[in-house]
Amino acid sequence: IDTKDTSYSDVKQSNITILVEEEISKEKLEKTLKKVAEEELKRDGYDNVWVYAYGDKRFFDNGTIYTHGSLRLDKSGAFSEERYKVKSEVPTDTEKEIYLEWYKYIDQGKLKKEATQSVMKKYNLSEKELENIFLKISKYIDY
């Protein structure tokens, strides 16, 4: 999805964001993240490479925390800060849309109560239904 040079001081660093299958296995996720990091480290001679994985590009576009995992690779070839977030349940597209709309309202400065009321009205949801969607999304994002 995205590659950024995030170098600082004397450290050459790259952040790479990739899109993976929603229901990817832990083994495939780990292999994919490591391969991307290794290729980037070799290609551009970075000191550090960070790779972040999303299962849905809309969460990247929205600025939400990566949904599926991350890792760091340094120039010695050592991996660290590995986090693989395999999903047992993936929210529906509509559930994601509802959450992202609510998040957009918050990002625009609306109070949580206002954002919640707007989303409930637009999607004709009860407070309990919205609460259940948020619970499912929080498990998906896995802060």
N, C-alpha and C. Protein backbone atom coordinates (compact mmCIF):
# COMPACT_ATOMS: atom_id res chain seq x y z
N ILE A 1 0.83 -1.19 0.00
CA ILE A 1 0.00 0.00 0.00
C ILE A 1 0.88 1.26 0.00
N ASP A 2 1.96 1.23 0.84
CA ASP A 2 2.72 2.46 1.02
C ASP A 2 4.14 2.14 1.51
N THR A 3 5.09 2.95 1.08
CA THR A 3 6.46 2.87 1.57
C THR A 3 6.93 4.28 1.87
N LYS A 4 7.49 4.46 3.06
CA LYS A 4 7.99 5.78 3.45
C LYS A 4 9.39 5.66 4.02
N ASP A 5 10.23 6.59 3.63
CA ASP A 5 11.55 6.70 4.23
C ASP A 5 11.36 7.49 5.52
N THR A 6 11.62 6.84 6.65
CA THR A 6 11.45 7.49 7.96
C THR A 6 12.80 7.62 8.66
N SER A 7 13.82 7.88 7.88
CA SER A 7 15.17 8.00 8.42
C SER A 7 15.24 9.16 9.41
N TYR A 8 16.17 9.01 10.35
CA TYR A 8 16.40 10.07 11.34
C TYR A 8 17.87 10.02 11.73
N SER A 9 18.42 11.17 12.10
CA SER A 9 19.84 11.29 12.46
C SER A 9 20.69 10.53 11.45
N ASP A 10 21.45 9.55 11.95
CA ASP A 10 22.30 8.73 11.07
C ASP A 10 21.69 7.37 10.77
N VAL A 11 20.42 7.21 11.07
CA VAL A 11 19.75 5.92 10.87
C VAL A 11 18.86 5.98 9.64
N LYS A 12 19.14 5.11 8.69
CA LYS A 12 18.32 5.02 7.48
C LYS A 12 17.23 3.98 7.75
N GLN A 13 15.97 4.44 7.71
CA GLN A 13 14.86 3.58 8.11
C GLN A 13 13.72 3.69 7.10
N SER A 14 13.03 2.58 6.90
CA SER A 14 11.89 2.53 5.99
C SER A 14 10.69 1.92 6.72
N ASN A 15 9.52 2.48 6.46
CA ASN A 15 8.26 1.91 6.93
C ASN A 15 7.47 1.46 5.71
N ILE A 16 7.09 0.20 5.70
CA ILE A 16 6.33 -0.35 4.59
C ILE A 16 4.99 -0.83 5.12
N THR A 17 3.95 -0.48 4.42
CA THR A 17 2.61 -0.92 4.78
C THR A 17 2.11 -1.82 3.65
N ILE A 18 1.64 -3.01 4.03
CA ILE A 18 1.16 -3.96 3.02
C ILE A 18 -0.27 -4.38 3.33
N LEU A 19 -0.93 -4.88 2.31
CA LEU A 19 -2.27 -5.41 2.43
C LEU A 19 -2.19 -6.92 2.36
N VAL A 20 -2.81 -7.61 3.33
CA VAL A 20 -2.82 -9.07 3.36
C VAL A 20 -4.26 -9.57 3.35
N GLU A 21 -4.41 -10.86 3.11
CA GLU A 21 -5.74 -11.47 3.15
C GLU A 21 -6.31 -11.31 4.56
N GLU A 22 -7.61 -11.07 4.63
CA GLU A 22 -8.27 -10.89 5.94
C GLU A 22 -8.04 -12.09 6.86
N GLU A 23 -8.19 -13.29 6.33
CA GLU A 23 -8.12 -14.49 7.16
C GLU A 23 -6.83 -15.25 6.92
N ILE A 24 -5.74 -14.54 6.83
CA ILE A 24 -4.43 -15.12 6.60
C ILE A 24 -3.99 -15.95 7.82
N SER A 25 -3.28 -17.03 7.58
CA SER A 25 -2.77 -17.85 8.70
C SER A 25 -1.57 -17.14 9.34
N LYS A 26 -1.28 -17.52 10.57
CA LYS A 26 -0.14 -16.91 11.26
C LYS A 26 1.15 -17.21 10.50
N GLU A 27 1.29 -18.43 10.04
CA GLU A 27 2.51 -18.84 9.33
C GLU A 27 2.71 -18.01 8.05
N LYS A 28 1.63 -17.86 7.28
CA LYS A 28 1.72 -17.10 6.03
C LYS A 28 1.96 -15.61 6.32
N LEU A 29 1.32 -15.09 7.35
CA LEU A 29 1.51 -13.69 7.74
C LEU A 29 2.96 -13.43 8.14
N GLU A 30 3.50 -14.31 8.99
CA GLU A 30 4.88 -14.17 9.44
C GLU A 30 5.85 -14.24 8.25
N LYS A 31 5.64 -15.22 7.39
CA LYS A 31 6.50 -15.40 6.22
C LYS A 31 6.44 -14.17 5.30
N THR A 32 5.24 -13.65 5.09
CA THR A 32 5.05 -12.50 4.21
C THR A 32 5.73 -11.26 4.77
N LEU A 33 5.51 -10.98 6.05
CA LEU A 33 6.12 -9.79 6.67
C LEU A 33 7.64 -9.87 6.62
N LYS A 34 8.18 -11.03 6.94
CA LYS A 34 9.64 -11.19 6.94
C LYS A 34 10.22 -11.05 5.54
N LYS A 35 9.55 -11.62 4.55
CA LYS A 35 10.04 -11.54 3.17
C LYS A 35 10.06 -10.09 2.70
N VAL A 36 9.00 -9.35 2.97
CA VAL A 36 8.93 -7.94 2.56
C VAL A 36 10.05 -7.14 3.23
N ALA A 37 10.26 -7.36 4.52
CA ALA A 37 11.31 -6.64 5.26
C ALA A 37 12.69 -6.97 4.71
N GLU A 38 12.95 -8.24 4.47
CA GLU A 38 14.27 -8.65 3.97
C GLU A 38 14.55 -8.06 2.58
N GLU A 39 13.54 -8.07 1.72
CA GLU A 39 13.72 -7.52 0.37
C GLU A 39 14.00 -6.02 0.43
N GLU A 40 13.30 -5.31 1.27
CA GLU A 40 13.50 -3.86 1.40
C GLU A 40 14.87 -3.54 1.98
N LEU A 41 15.28 -4.32 2.97
CA LEU A 41 16.58 -4.10 3.61
C LEU A 41 17.71 -4.27 2.58
N LYS A 42 17.61 -5.31 1.77
CA LYS A 42 18.63 -5.58 0.75
C LYS A 42 18.62 -4.53 -0.36
N ARG A 43 17.42 -4.17 -0.79
CA ARG A 43 17.27 -3.29 -1.94
C ARG A 43 17.82 -1.89 -1.69
N ASP A 44 17.52 -1.33 -0.55
CA ASP A 44 17.88 0.07 -0.34
C ASP A 44 18.89 0.30 0.78
N GLY A 45 19.44 -0.76 1.35
CA GLY A 45 20.48 -0.60 2.35
C GLY A 45 20.05 0.12 3.62
N TYR A 46 18.85 -0.14 4.06
CA TYR A 46 18.36 0.49 5.29
C TYR A 46 19.01 -0.11 6.53
N ASP A 47 19.05 0.67 7.61
CA ASP A 47 19.49 0.17 8.91
C ASP A 47 18.34 -0.57 9.60
N ASN A 48 17.13 -0.06 9.41
CA ASN A 48 15.93 -0.66 10.00
C ASN A 48 14.81 -0.64 8.97
N VAL A 49 14.02 -1.68 8.98
CA VAL A 49 12.81 -1.72 8.16
C VAL A 49 11.66 -2.16 9.05
N TRP A 50 10.60 -1.37 9.04
CA TRP A 50 9.36 -1.72 9.73
C TRP A 50 8.34 -2.13 8.67
N VAL A 51 7.59 -3.20 8.93
CA VAL A 51 6.52 -3.61 8.03
C VAL A 51 5.23 -3.71 8.85
N TYR A 52 4.18 -3.10 8.32
CA TYR A 52 2.86 -3.09 8.96
C TYR A 52 1.86 -3.73 7.99
N ALA A 53 1.00 -4.61 8.52
CA ALA A 53 0.04 -5.31 7.67
C ALA A 53 -1.40 -4.94 8.03
N TYR A 54 -2.15 -4.67 6.99
CA TYR A 54 -3.58 -4.38 7.10
C TYR A 54 -4.36 -5.42 6.31
N GLY A 55 -5.54 -5.74 6.78
CA GLY A 55 -6.42 -6.64 6.06
C GLY A 55 -7.43 -5.90 5.21
N ASP A 56 -7.57 -4.60 5.45
CA ASP A 56 -8.53 -3.79 4.71
C ASP A 56 -7.93 -2.40 4.52
N LYS A 57 -7.77 -1.99 3.28
CA LYS A 57 -7.12 -0.72 2.97
C LYS A 57 -7.83 0.48 3.59
N ARG A 58 -9.13 0.37 3.81
CA ARG A 58 -9.87 1.49 4.40
C ARG A 58 -9.36 1.85 5.79
N PHE A 59 -8.84 0.86 6.52
CA PHE A 59 -8.31 1.15 7.86
C PHE A 59 -6.99 1.90 7.76
N PHE A 60 -6.19 1.59 6.74
CA PHE A 60 -4.97 2.34 6.48
C PHE A 60 -5.32 3.77 6.07
N ASP A 61 -6.26 3.89 5.13
CA ASP A 61 -6.66 5.21 4.63
C ASP A 61 -7.20 6.08 5.75
N ASN A 62 -7.82 5.45 6.73
CA ASN A 62 -8.44 6.17 7.84
C ASN A 62 -7.44 6.53 8.94
N GLY A 63 -6.24 5.98 8.86
CA GLY A 63 -5.24 6.28 9.89
C GLY A 63 -5.36 5.41 11.12
N THR A 64 -6.13 4.33 11.02
CA THR A 64 -6.31 3.41 12.13
C THR A 64 -5.07 2.54 12.28
N ILE A 65 -4.83 2.07 13.48
CA ILE A 65 -3.69 1.19 13.74
C ILE A 65 -3.76 -0.03 12.81
N TYR A 66 -2.60 -0.54 12.45
CA TYR A 66 -2.54 -1.71 11.57
C TYR A 66 -3.39 -2.84 12.16
N THR A 67 -4.03 -3.59 11.31
CA THR A 67 -4.98 -4.60 11.78
C THR A 67 -4.41 -6.00 11.91
N HIS A 68 -3.32 -6.31 11.18
CA HIS A 68 -2.88 -7.70 11.12
C HIS A 68 -1.47 -7.98 11.63
N GLY A 69 -0.70 -6.96 11.89
CA GLY A 69 0.61 -7.24 12.47
C GLY A 69 1.69 -6.30 12.02
N SER A 70 2.86 -6.50 12.63
CA SER A 70 4.02 -5.68 12.29
C SER A 70 5.29 -6.39 12.75
N LEU A 71 6.41 -5.91 12.23
CA LEU A 71 7.71 -6.37 12.71
C LEU A 71 8.77 -5.37 12.30
N ARG A 72 9.92 -5.51 12.92
CA ARG A 72 11.08 -4.67 12.62
C ARG A 72 12.24 -5.59 12.28
N LEU A 73 12.98 -5.22 11.25
CA LEU A 73 14.19 -5.94 10.87
C LEU A 73 15.33 -4.94 10.85
N ASP A 74 16.44 -5.29 11.54
CA ASP A 74 17.59 -4.38 11.50
C ASP A 74 18.65 -4.93 10.56
N LYS A 75 19.67 -4.11 10.28
CA LYS A 75 20.65 -4.47 9.26
C LYS A 75 21.47 -5.71 9.60
N SER A 76 21.47 -6.13 10.88
CA SER A 76 22.17 -7.37 11.24
C SER A 76 21.36 -8.60 10.86
N GLY A 77 20.10 -8.37 10.44
CA GLY A 77 19.23 -9.49 10.07
C GLY A 77 18.36 -9.97 11.22
N ALA A 78 18.38 -9.24 12.33
CA ALA A 78 17.58 -9.64 13.50
C ALA A 78 16.18 -9.04 13.43
N PHE A 79 15.19 -9.90 13.62
CA PHE A 79 13.81 -9.45 13.69
C PHE A 79 13.49 -9.13 15.14
N SER A 80 12.68 -8.10 15.34
CA SER A 80 12.24 -7.75 16.69
C SER A 80 10.85 -7.13 16.62
N GLU A 81 10.28 -6.96 17.76
CA GLU A 81 8.96 -6.34 17.89
C GLU A 81 7.95 -6.96 16.93
N GLU A 82 8.00 -8.29 16.84
CA GLU A 82 7.11 -9.02 15.95
C GLU A 82 5.74 -9.14 16.59
N ARG A 83 4.73 -8.82 15.81
CA ARG A 83 3.36 -8.95 16.30
C ARG A 83 2.50 -9.46 15.15
N TYR A 84 1.93 -10.64 15.33
CA TYR A 84 1.09 -11.25 14.30
C TYR A 84 -0.32 -11.36 14.85
N LYS A 85 -1.26 -10.68 14.20
CA LYS A 85 -2.63 -10.62 14.70
C LYS A 85 -3.56 -11.37 13.74
N VAL A 86 -3.66 -12.66 13.95
CA VAL A 86 -4.51 -13.51 13.12
C VAL A 86 -5.96 -13.35 13.58
N LYS A 87 -6.87 -13.30 12.65
CA LYS A 87 -8.27 -13.02 12.93
C LYS A 87 -9.12 -14.28 12.98
N SER A 88 -9.83 -14.44 14.09
CA SER A 88 -10.77 -15.56 14.18
C SER A 88 -12.13 -15.14 13.64
N GLU A 89 -12.38 -13.84 13.65
CA GLU A 89 -13.64 -13.31 13.13
C GLU A 89 -13.35 -11.97 12.45
N VAL A 90 -13.85 -11.81 11.24
CA VAL A 90 -13.66 -10.58 10.49
C VAL A 90 -15.01 -9.87 10.37
N PRO A 91 -15.05 -8.59 10.74
CA PRO A 91 -16.32 -7.85 10.60
C PRO A 91 -16.76 -7.78 9.15
N THR A 92 -18.06 -7.62 8.96
CA THR A 92 -18.59 -7.47 7.60
C THR A 92 -18.18 -6.10 7.05
N ASP A 93 -18.30 -5.93 5.75
CA ASP A 93 -17.99 -4.63 5.15
C ASP A 93 -18.87 -3.53 5.73
N THR A 94 -20.13 -3.84 5.98
CA THR A 94 -21.04 -2.85 6.56
C THR A 94 -20.60 -2.48 7.97
N GLU A 95 -20.21 -3.45 8.77
CA GLU A 95 -19.74 -3.16 10.13
C GLU A 95 -18.48 -2.28 10.10
N LYS A 96 -17.60 -2.58 9.17
CA LYS A 96 -16.39 -1.74 9.02
C LYS A 96 -16.77 -0.33 8.60
N GLU A 97 -17.68 -0.23 7.65
CA GLU A 97 -18.13 1.07 7.16
C GLU A 97 -18.72 1.90 8.30
N ILE A 98 -19.53 1.28 9.13
CA ILE A 98 -20.15 1.97 10.27
C ILE A 98 -19.08 2.49 11.22
N TYR A 99 -18.12 1.63 11.57
CA TYR A 99 -17.05 2.05 12.47
C TYR A 99 -16.23 3.19 11.86
N LEU A 100 -15.86 3.05 10.59
CA LEU A 100 -15.02 4.06 9.95
C LEU A 100 -15.75 5.40 9.82
N GLU A 101 -17.04 5.35 9.61
CA GLU A 101 -17.83 6.59 9.57
C GLU A 101 -17.82 7.25 10.95
N TRP A 102 -18.03 6.47 11.99
CA TRP A 102 -17.99 6.99 13.36
C TRP A 102 -16.61 7.59 13.64
N TYR A 103 -15.56 6.88 13.25
CA TYR A 103 -14.19 7.33 13.47
C TYR A 103 -13.93 8.65 12.74
N LYS A 104 -14.48 8.77 11.53
CA LYS A 104 -14.33 9.99 10.75
C LYS A 104 -14.96 11.17 11.49
N TYR A 105 -16.14 10.97 12.06
CA TYR A 105 -16.79 12.03 12.83
C TYR A 105 -15.91 12.47 14.00
N ILE A 106 -15.34 11.51 14.70
CA ILE A 106 -14.47 11.81 15.84
C ILE A 106 -13.25 12.59 15.35
N ASP A 107 -12.69 12.13 14.25
CA ASP A 107 -11.51 12.79 13.67
C ASP A 107 -11.82 14.23 13.26
N GLN A 108 -13.07 14.49 12.91
CA GLN A 108 -13.48 15.84 12.51
C GLN A 108 -13.81 16.72 13.72
N GLY A 109 -13.67 16.16 14.92
CA GLY A 109 -13.88 16.95 16.13
C GLY A 109 -15.23 16.80 16.79
N LYS A 110 -16.06 15.91 16.27
CA LYS A 110 -17.36 15.68 16.92
C LYS A 110 -17.14 14.96 18.24
N LEU A 111 -18.01 15.23 19.20
CA LEU A 111 -17.98 14.50 20.46
C LEU A 111 -18.45 13.07 20.20
N LYS A 112 -18.01 12.15 21.05
CA LYS A 112 -18.38 10.73 20.87
C LYS A 112 -19.89 10.56 20.84
N LYS A 113 -20.58 11.29 21.72
CA LYS A 113 -22.04 11.17 21.78
C LYS A 113 -22.68 11.62 20.46
N GLU A 114 -22.20 12.73 19.91
CA GLU A 114 -22.72 13.22 18.62
C GLU A 114 -22.43 12.23 17.50
N ALA A 115 -21.20 11.73 17.45
CA ALA A 115 -20.81 10.78 16.42
C ALA A 115 -21.67 9.52 16.52
N THR A 116 -21.86 9.05 17.72
CA THR A 116 -22.66 7.85 17.95
C THR A 116 -24.09 8.06 17.48
N GLN A 117 -24.69 9.19 17.85
CA GLN A 117 -26.07 9.48 17.44
C GLN A 117 -26.19 9.58 15.92
N SER A 118 -25.21 10.23 15.29
CA SER A 118 -25.23 10.38 13.82
C SER A 118 -25.18 9.03 13.12
N VAL A 119 -24.30 8.17 13.59
CA VAL A 119 -24.14 6.85 12.97
C VAL A 119 -25.37 5.98 13.24
N MET A 120 -25.88 6.03 14.46
CA MET A 120 -27.07 5.24 14.79
C MET A 120 -28.25 5.65 13.90
N LYS A 121 -28.41 6.95 13.70
CA LYS A 121 -29.51 7.45 12.88
C LYS A 121 -29.32 7.05 11.41
N LYS A 122 -28.11 7.26 10.88
CA LYS A 122 -27.86 6.97 9.47
C LYS A 122 -28.08 5.50 9.13
N TYR A 123 -27.64 4.59 10.04
CA TYR A 123 -27.73 3.16 9.77
C TYR A 123 -28.91 2.48 10.48
N ASN A 124 -29.75 3.29 11.11
CA ASN A 124 -30.93 2.78 11.81
C ASN A 124 -30.55 1.68 12.81
N LEU A 125 -29.63 2.01 13.70
CA LEU A 125 -29.12 1.06 14.68
C LEU A 125 -29.53 1.44 16.09
N SER A 126 -29.73 0.43 16.92
CA SER A 126 -29.93 0.70 18.35
C SER A 126 -28.56 0.88 18.99
N GLU A 127 -28.57 1.39 20.20
CA GLU A 127 -27.32 1.56 20.92
C GLU A 127 -26.63 0.22 21.14
N LYS A 128 -27.40 -0.82 21.44
CA LYS A 128 -26.85 -2.15 21.66
C LYS A 128 -26.23 -2.71 20.37
N GLU A 129 -26.89 -2.52 19.24
CA GLU A 129 -26.35 -2.99 17.95
C GLU A 129 -25.02 -2.31 17.65
N LEU A 130 -24.96 -0.99 17.87
CA LEU A 130 -23.73 -0.27 17.62
C LEU A 130 -22.64 -0.72 18.58
N GLU A 131 -23.00 -0.95 19.81
CA GLU A 131 -22.04 -1.44 20.81
C GLU A 131 -21.45 -2.79 20.37
N ASN A 132 -22.29 -3.67 19.85
CA ASN A 132 -21.82 -4.98 19.38
C ASN A 132 -20.89 -4.85 18.18
N ILE A 133 -21.18 -3.91 17.29
CA ILE A 133 -20.31 -3.67 16.14
C ILE A 133 -18.95 -3.16 16.63
N PHE A 134 -18.97 -2.21 17.55
CA PHE A 134 -17.71 -1.67 18.08
C PHE A 134 -16.89 -2.75 18.79
N LEU A 135 -17.55 -3.65 19.47
CA LEU A 135 -16.85 -4.75 20.14
C LEU A 135 -16.17 -5.64 19.09
N LYS A 136 -16.89 -5.95 18.04
CA LYS A 136 -16.33 -6.79 16.97
C LYS A 136 -15.15 -6.08 16.29
N ILE A 137 -15.29 -4.79 16.06
CA ILE A 137 -14.21 -4.01 15.44
C ILE A 137 -13.00 -3.91 16.37
N SER A 138 -13.23 -3.74 17.66
CA SER A 138 -12.09 -3.65 18.59
C SER A 138 -11.30 -4.95 18.63
N LYS A 139 -11.97 -6.07 18.48
CA LYS A 139 -11.27 -7.36 18.40
C LYS A 139 -10.50 -7.46 17.09
N TYR A 140 -11.07 -6.92 16.03
CA TYR A 140 -10.43 -6.93 14.71
C TYR A 140 -9.17 -6.06 14.72
N ILE A 141 -9.30 -4.87 15.27
CA ILE A 141 -8.15 -3.96 15.32
C ILE A 141 -7.14 -4.46 16.36
N ASP A 142 -7.66 -4.96 17.47
CA ASP A 142 -6.81 -5.54 18.53
C ASP A 142 -5.74 -4.56 19.00
N TYR A 143 -6.20 -3.44 19.56
CA TYR A 143 -5.27 -2.41 20.04
C TYR A 143 -4.25 -2.98 20.99
